[in-house]
Amino acid sequence: MKKYIVDRFEGEYAVCEKEDLTLVNILRSKLPAETKEGDCLVEKDDGSFYIDIEATMDRKQQIRRKLDSLFE
């Protein structure tokens, strides 16, 4: 299974960061409708995608801690 992080949306594509930090364009129509910037996606063996909610929440918490430490 491949993992991605949604960086941004450009037209009909989601620009996603792969685990090796390279960017790839994925058609929005292939992603769950509720996909947002910052979500962690997993591509299953059949080519479908799902949002890894736990990884997304962990990532958001890490970012929040980093931001909070900048302003302490």
PDB file of N, CA and C in Angstrom:
ATOM      1  N   MET A   1       0.844  -1.183   0.000  1.00  0.00           N
ATOM      2  CA  MET A   1       0.000   0.000   0.000  1.00  0.00           C
ATOM      3  C   MET A   1       0.886   1.242   0.000  1.00  0.00           C
ATOM      4  N   LYS A   2       0.496   2.202  -0.821  1.00  0.00           N
ATOM      5  CA  LYS A   2       1.234   3.459  -0.908  1.00  0.00           C
ATOM      6  C   LYS A   2       0.527   4.511  -0.060  1.00  0.00           C
ATOM      7  N   LYS A   3       1.327   5.420   0.513  1.00  0.00           N
ATOM      8  CA  LYS A   3       0.774   6.482   1.355  1.00  0.00           C
ATOM      9  C   LYS A   3       1.105   7.840   0.757  1.00  0.00           C
ATOM     10  N   TYR A   4       0.165   8.773   0.909  1.00  0.00           N
ATOM     11  CA  TYR A   4       0.294  10.125   0.377  1.00  0.00           C
ATOM     12  C   TYR A   4      -0.257  11.121   1.385  1.00  0.00           C
ATOM     13  N   ILE A   5       0.204  12.372   1.266  1.00  0.00           N
ATOM     14  CA  ILE A   5      -0.375  13.480   2.026  1.00  0.00           C
ATOM     15  C   ILE A   5      -0.851  14.504   1.002  1.00  0.00           C
ATOM     16  N   VAL A   6      -2.092  14.934   1.139  1.00  0.00           N
ATOM     17  CA  VAL A   6      -2.652  15.913   0.204  1.00  0.00           C
ATOM     18  C   VAL A   6      -2.046  17.276   0.508  1.00  0.00           C
ATOM     19  N   ASP A   7      -1.315  17.814  -0.444  1.00  0.00           N
ATOM     20  CA  ASP A   7      -0.685  19.122  -0.290  1.00  0.00           C
ATOM     21  C   ASP A   7      -1.658  20.231  -0.669  1.00  0.00           C
ATOM     22  N   ARG A   8      -2.303  20.062  -1.825  1.00  0.00           N
ATOM     23  CA  ARG A   8      -3.232  21.090  -2.309  1.00  0.00           C
ATOM     24  C   ARG A   8      -4.068  20.510  -3.454  1.00  0.00           C
ATOM     25  N   PHE A   9      -5.061  21.280  -3.859  1.00  0.00           N
ATOM     26  CA  PHE A   9      -5.884  20.910  -5.010  1.00  0.00           C
ATOM     27  C   PHE A   9      -5.646  21.909  -6.122  1.00  0.00           C
ATOM     28  N   GLU A  10      -5.505  21.399  -7.318  1.00  0.00           N
ATOM     29  CA  GLU A  10      -5.361  22.233  -8.516  1.00  0.00           C
ATOM     30  C   GLU A  10      -6.305  21.690  -9.573  1.00  0.00           C
ATOM     31  N   GLY A  11      -7.419  22.392  -9.759  1.00  0.00           N
ATOM     32  CA  GLY A  11      -8.408  21.937 -10.733  1.00  0.00           C
ATOM     33  C   GLY A  11      -8.940  20.570 -10.364  1.00  0.00           C
ATOM     34  N   GLU A  12      -8.847  19.645 -11.296  1.00  0.00           N
ATOM     35  CA  GLU A  12      -9.390  18.309 -11.059  1.00  0.00           C
ATOM     36  C   GLU A  12      -8.387  17.352 -10.408  1.00  0.00           C
ATOM     37  N   TYR A  13      -7.255  17.886  -9.978  1.00  0.00           N
ATOM     38  CA  TYR A  13      -6.214  17.059  -9.377  1.00  0.00           C
ATOM     39  C   TYR A  13      -5.939  17.432  -7.923  1.00  0.00           C
ATOM     40  N   ALA A  14      -5.543  16.426  -7.168  1.00  0.00           N
ATOM     41  CA  ALA A  14      -4.991  16.632  -5.835  1.00  0.00           C
ATOM     42  C   ALA A  14      -3.481  16.465  -5.989  1.00  0.00           C
ATOM     43  N   VAL A  15      -2.727  17.463  -5.562  1.00  0.00           N
ATOM     44  CA  VAL A  15      -1.265  17.362  -5.581  1.00  0.00           C
ATOM     45  C   VAL A  15      -0.884  16.742  -4.243  1.00  0.00           C
ATOM     46  N   CYS A  16      -0.272  15.560  -4.313  1.00  0.00           N
ATOM     47  CA  CYS A  16       0.016  14.792  -3.109  1.00  0.00           C
ATOM     48  C   CYS A  16       1.505  14.509  -2.979  1.00  0.00           C
ATOM     49  N   GLU A  17       1.953  14.481  -1.739  1.00  0.00           N
ATOM     50  CA  GLU A  17       3.347  14.166  -1.442  1.00  0.00           C
ATOM     51  C   GLU A  17       3.451  12.684  -1.111  1.00  0.00           C
ATOM     52  N   LYS A  18       4.362  12.017  -1.806  1.00  0.00           N
ATOM     53  CA  LYS A  18       4.598  10.605  -1.546  1.00  0.00           C
ATOM     54  C   LYS A  18       5.556  10.459  -0.367  1.00  0.00           C
ATOM     55  N   GLU A  19       5.760   9.244   0.077  1.00  0.00           N
ATOM     56  CA  GLU A  19       6.645   8.989   1.216  1.00  0.00           C
ATOM     57  C   GLU A  19       8.086   9.402   0.939  1.00  0.00           C
ATOM     58  N   ASP A  20       8.490   9.388  -0.335  1.00  0.00           N
ATOM     59  CA  ASP A  20       9.857   9.798  -0.683  1.00  0.00           C
ATOM     60  C   ASP A  20       9.964  11.308  -0.912  1.00  0.00           C
ATOM     61  N   LEU A  21       8.902  12.047  -0.549  1.00  0.00           N
ATOM     62  CA  LEU A  21       8.812  13.506  -0.604  1.00  0.00           C
ATOM     63  C   LEU A  21       8.659  14.073  -2.012  1.00  0.00           C
ATOM     64  N   THR A  22       8.440  13.229  -3.012  1.00  0.00           N
ATOM     65  CA  THR A  22       8.143  13.717  -4.353  1.00  0.00           C
ATOM     66  C   THR A  22       6.642  13.974  -4.455  1.00  0.00           C
ATOM     67  N   LEU A  23       6.266  14.788  -5.429  1.00  0.00           N
ATOM     68  CA  LEU A  23       4.862  15.135  -5.611  1.00  0.00           C
ATOM     69  C   LEU A  23       4.273  14.361  -6.779  1.00  0.00           C
ATOM     70  N   VAL A  24       2.996  14.033  -6.662  1.00  0.00           N
ATOM     71  CA  VAL A  24       2.276  13.322  -7.703  1.00  0.00           C
ATOM     72  C   VAL A  24       0.870  13.907  -7.790  1.00  0.00           C
ATOM     73  N   ASN A  25       0.313  13.962  -9.008  1.00  0.00           N
ATOM     74  CA  ASN A  25      -1.052  14.427  -9.207  1.00  0.00           C
ATOM     75  C   ASN A  25      -1.985  13.221  -9.258  1.00  0.00           C
ATOM     76  N   ILE A  26      -3.046  13.290  -8.471  1.00  0.00           N
ATOM     77  CA  ILE A  26      -4.049  12.231  -8.450  1.00  0.00           C
ATOM     78  C   ILE A  26      -5.395  12.867  -8.766  1.00  0.00           C
ATOM     79  N   LEU A  27      -6.140  12.251  -9.667  1.00  0.00           N
ATOM     80  CA  LEU A  27      -7.460  12.772 -10.002  1.00  0.00           C
ATOM     81  C   LEU A  27      -8.342  12.824  -8.751  1.00  0.00           C
ATOM     82  N   ARG A  28      -8.972  13.958  -8.544  1.00  0.00           N
ATOM     83  CA  ARG A  28      -9.860  14.113  -7.382  1.00  0.00           C
ATOM     84  C   ARG A  28     -10.971  13.085  -7.402  1.00  0.00           C
ATOM     85  N   SER A  29     -11.417  12.723  -8.591  1.00  0.00           N
ATOM     86  CA  SER A  29     -12.522  11.773  -8.717  1.00  0.00           C
ATOM     87  C   SER A  29     -12.159  10.387  -8.181  1.00  0.00           C
ATOM     88  N   LYS A  30     -10.865  10.101  -8.017  1.00  0.00           N
ATOM     89  CA  LYS A  30     -10.429   8.811  -7.477  1.00  0.00           C
ATOM     90  C   LYS A  30     -10.388   8.813  -5.956  1.00  0.00           C
ATOM     91  N   LEU A  31     -10.482   9.999  -5.356  1.00  0.00           N
ATOM     92  CA  LEU A  31     -10.362  10.142  -3.910  1.00  0.00           C
ATOM     93  C   LEU A  31     -11.730  10.208  -3.245  1.00  0.00           C
ATOM     94  N   PRO A  32     -11.797   9.885  -1.950  1.00  0.00           N
ATOM     95  CA  PRO A  32     -13.059  10.051  -1.233  1.00  0.00           C
ATOM     96  C   PRO A  32     -13.523  11.506  -1.319  1.00  0.00           C
ATOM     97  N   ALA A  33     -14.808  11.714  -1.420  1.00  0.00           N
ATOM     98  CA  ALA A  33     -15.380  13.054  -1.603  1.00  0.00           C
ATOM     99  C   ALA A  33     -14.991  14.012  -0.487  1.00  0.00           C
ATOM    100  N   GLU A  34     -14.788  13.509   0.717  1.00  0.00           N
ATOM    101  CA  GLU A  34     -14.502  14.367   1.868  1.00  0.00           C
ATOM    102  C   GLU A  34     -13.022  14.687   2.041  1.00  0.00           C
ATOM    103  N   THR A  35     -12.180  14.312   1.102  1.00  0.00           N
ATOM    104  CA  THR A  35     -10.741  14.551   1.188  1.00  0.00           C
ATOM    105  C   THR A  35     -10.437  16.043   1.267  1.00  0.00           C
ATOM    106  N   LYS A  36      -9.544  16.409   2.228  1.00  0.00           N
ATOM    107  CA  LYS A  36      -9.144  17.803   2.413  1.00  0.00           C
ATOM    108  C   LYS A  36      -7.626  17.906   2.361  1.00  0.00           C
ATOM    109  N   GLU A  37      -7.131  19.132   2.206  1.00  0.00           N
ATOM    110  CA  GLU A  37      -5.695  19.375   2.273  1.00  0.00           C
ATOM    111  C   GLU A  37      -5.184  18.910   3.628  1.00  0.00           C
ATOM    112  N   GLY A  38      -4.035  18.246   3.630  1.00  0.00           N
ATOM    113  CA  GLY A  38      -3.442  17.756   4.859  1.00  0.00           C
ATOM    114  C   GLY A  38      -3.831  16.334   5.221  1.00  0.00           C
ATOM    115  N   ASP A  39      -4.831  15.779   4.544  1.00  0.00           N
ATOM    116  CA  ASP A  39      -5.242  14.412   4.837  1.00  0.00           C
ATOM    117  C   ASP A  39      -4.174  13.415   4.411  1.00  0.00           C
ATOM    118  N   CYS A  40      -4.064  12.345   5.165  1.00  0.00           N
ATOM    119  CA  CYS A  40      -3.171  11.242   4.824  1.00  0.00           C
ATOM    120  C   CYS A  40      -4.002  10.192   4.084  1.00  0.00           C
ATOM    121  N   LEU A  41      -3.569   9.852   2.900  1.00  0.00           N
ATOM    122  CA  LEU A  41      -4.284   8.885   2.068  1.00  0.00           C
ATOM    123  C   LEU A  41      -3.490   7.604   1.950  1.00  0.00           C
ATOM    124  N   VAL A  42      -4.217   6.517   1.802  1.00  0.00           N
ATOM    125  CA  VAL A  42      -3.603   5.224   1.548  1.00  0.00           C
ATOM    126  C   VAL A  42      -4.218   4.680   0.267  1.00  0.00           C
ATOM    127  N   GLU A  43      -3.354   4.244  -0.655  1.00  0.00           N
ATOM    128  CA  GLU A  43      -3.825   3.614  -1.885  1.00  0.00           C
ATOM    129  C   GLU A  43      -3.796   2.105  -1.685  1.00  0.00           C
ATOM    130  N   LYS A  44      -4.958   1.497  -1.825  1.00  0.00           N
ATOM    131  CA  LYS A  44      -5.054   0.050  -1.660  1.00  0.00           C
ATOM    132  C   LYS A  44      -4.573  -0.649  -2.934  1.00  0.00           C
ATOM    133  N   ASP A  45      -4.388  -1.938  -2.838  1.00  0.00           N
ATOM    134  CA  ASP A  45      -3.889  -2.728  -3.961  1.00  0.00           C
ATOM    135  C   ASP A  45      -4.786  -2.647  -5.192  1.00  0.00           C
ATOM    136  N   ASP A  46      -6.078  -2.387  -4.991  1.00  0.00           N
ATOM    137  CA  ASP A  46      -7.003  -2.307  -6.128  1.00  0.00           C
ATOM    138  C   ASP A  46      -7.041  -0.916  -6.763  1.00  0.00           C
ATOM    139  N   GLY A  47      -6.191   0.011  -6.266  1.00  0.00           N
ATOM    140  CA  GLY A  47      -6.115   1.358  -6.832  1.00  0.00           C
ATOM    141  C   GLY A  47      -7.054   2.356  -6.192  1.00  0.00           C
ATOM    142  N   SER A  48      -7.883   1.920  -5.259  1.00  0.00           N
ATOM    143  CA  SER A  48      -8.777   2.850  -4.574  1.00  0.00           C
ATOM    144  C   SER A  48      -8.033   3.488  -3.403  1.00  0.00           C
ATOM    145  N   PHE A  49      -8.588   4.581  -2.900  1.00  0.00           N
ATOM    146  CA  PHE A  49      -7.953   5.342  -1.822  1.00  0.00           C
ATOM    147  C   PHE A  49      -8.892   5.434  -0.630  1.00  0.00           C
ATOM    148  N   TYR A  50      -8.292   5.537   0.556  1.00  0.00           N
ATOM    149  CA  TYR A  50      -9.070   5.874   1.747  1.00  0.00           C
ATOM    150  C   TYR A  50      -8.247   6.823   2.606  1.00  0.00           C
ATOM    151  N   ILE A  51      -8.950   7.601   3.425  1.00  0.00           N
ATOM    152  CA  ILE A  51      -8.300   8.549   4.325  1.00  0.00           C
ATOM    153  C   ILE A  51      -7.913   7.796   5.587  1.00  0.00           C
ATOM    154  N   ASP A  52      -6.635   7.873   5.959  1.00  0.00           N
ATOM    155  CA  ASP A  52      -6.161   7.285   7.206  1.00  0.00           C
ATOM    156  C   ASP A  52      -6.398   8.332   8.290  1.00  0.00           C
ATOM    157  N   ILE A  53      -7.528   8.222   8.945  1.00  0.00           N
ATOM    158  CA  ILE A  53      -7.956   9.237   9.913  1.00  0.00           C
ATOM    159  C   ILE A  53      -6.975   9.340  11.074  1.00  0.00           C
ATOM    160  N   GLU A  54      -6.493   8.214  11.579  1.00  0.00           N
ATOM    161  CA  GLU A  54      -5.559   8.232  12.704  1.00  0.00           C
ATOM    162  C   GLU A  54      -4.249   8.925  12.326  1.00  0.00           C
ATOM    163  N   ALA A  55      -3.701   8.608  11.159  1.00  0.00           N
ATOM    164  CA  ALA A  55      -2.456   9.246  10.714  1.00  0.00           C
ATOM    165  C   ALA A  55      -2.667  10.734  10.483  1.00  0.00           C
ATOM    166  N   THR A  56      -3.820  11.106   9.947  1.00  0.00           N
ATOM    167  CA  THR A  56      -4.131  12.516   9.713  1.00  0.00           C
ATOM    168  C   THR A  56      -4.184  13.274  11.037  1.00  0.00           C
ATOM    169  N   MET A  57      -4.854  12.701  12.051  1.00  0.00           N
ATOM    170  CA  MET A  57      -4.960  13.356  13.355  1.00  0.00           C
ATOM    171  C   MET A  57      -3.584  13.460  14.022  1.00  0.00           C
ATOM    172  N   ASP A  58      -2.783  12.394  13.933  1.00  0.00           N
ATOM    173  CA  ASP A  58      -1.432  12.429  14.517  1.00  0.00           C
ATOM    174  C   ASP A  58      -0.597  13.526  13.878  1.00  0.00           C
ATOM    175  N   ARG A  59      -0.679  13.630  12.572  1.00  0.00           N
ATOM    176  CA  ARG A  59       0.087  14.636  11.835  1.00  0.00           C
ATOM    177  C   ARG A  59      -0.336  16.046  12.237  1.00  0.00           C
ATOM    178  N   LYS A  60      -1.636  16.269  12.360  1.00  0.00           N
ATOM    179  CA  LYS A  60      -2.138  17.581  12.770  1.00  0.00           C
ATOM    180  C   LYS A  60      -1.679  17.940  14.178  1.00  0.00           C
ATOM    181  N   GLN A  61      -1.654  16.955  15.073  1.00  0.00           N
ATOM    182  CA  GLN A  61      -1.192  17.207  16.444  1.00  0.00           C
ATOM    183  C   GLN A  61       0.295  17.556  16.460  1.00  0.00           C
ATOM    184  N   GLN A  62       1.089  16.860  15.647  1.00  0.00           N
ATOM    185  CA  GLN A  62       2.521  17.165  15.576  1.00  0.00           C
ATOM    186  C   GLN A  62       2.750  18.587  15.076  1.00  0.00           C
ATOM    187  N   ILE A  63       2.003  18.973  14.062  1.00  0.00           N
ATOM    188  CA  ILE A  63       2.133  20.322  13.507  1.00  0.00           C
ATOM    189  C   ILE A  63       1.711  21.355  14.553  1.00  0.00           C
ATOM    190  N   ARG A  64       0.631  21.088  15.273  1.00  0.00           N
ATOM    191  CA  ARG A  64       0.147  22.013  16.302  1.00  0.00           C
ATOM    192  C   ARG A  64       1.208  22.190  17.387  1.00  0.00           C
ATOM    193  N   ARG A  65       1.839  21.081  17.823  1.00  0.00           N
ATOM    194  CA  ARG A  65       2.877  21.169  18.858  1.00  0.00           C
ATOM    195  C   ARG A  65       4.057  22.004  18.370  1.00  0.00           C
ATOM    196  N   LYS A  66       4.449  21.819  17.126  1.00  0.00           N
ATOM    197  CA  LYS A  66       5.566  22.594  16.579  1.00  0.00           C
ATOM    198  C   LYS A  66       5.216  24.080  16.544  1.00  0.00           C
ATOM    199  N   LEU A  67       4.005  24.399  16.100  1.00  0.00           N
ATOM    200  CA  LEU A  67       3.584  25.804  16.066  1.00  0.00           C
ATOM    201  C   LEU A  67       3.517  26.399  17.463  1.00  0.00           C
ATOM    202  N   ASP A  68       2.973  25.634  18.410  1.00  0.00           N
ATOM    203  CA  ASP A  68       2.883  26.130  19.781  1.00  0.00           C
ATOM    204  C   ASP A  68       4.267  26.408  20.364  1.00  0.00           C
ATOM    205  N   SER A  69       5.238  25.544  20.059  1.00  0.00           N
ATOM    206  CA  SER A  69       6.579  25.746  20.613  1.00  0.00           C
ATOM    207  C   SER A  69       7.249  26.984  20.031  1.00  0.00           C
ATOM    208  N   LEU A  70       6.855  27.379  18.842  1.00  0.00           N
ATOM    209  CA  LEU A  70       7.422  28.596  18.249  1.00  0.00           C
ATOM    210  C   LEU A  70       6.973  29.862  18.971  1.00  0.00           C
ATOM    211  N   PHE A  71       5.802  29.809  19.579  1.00  0.00           N
ATOM    212  CA  PHE A  71       5.220  30.998  20.183  1.00  0.00           C
ATOM    213  C   PHE A  71       5.245  30.971  21.708  1.00  0.00           C
ATOM    214  N   GLU A  72       6.015  30.069  22.287  1.00  0.00           N
ATOM    215  CA  GLU A  72       6.109  30.020  23.750  1.00  0.00           C
ATOM    216  C   GLU A  72       7.120  31.008  24.269  1.00  0.00           C
TER     217      GLU A  72
END
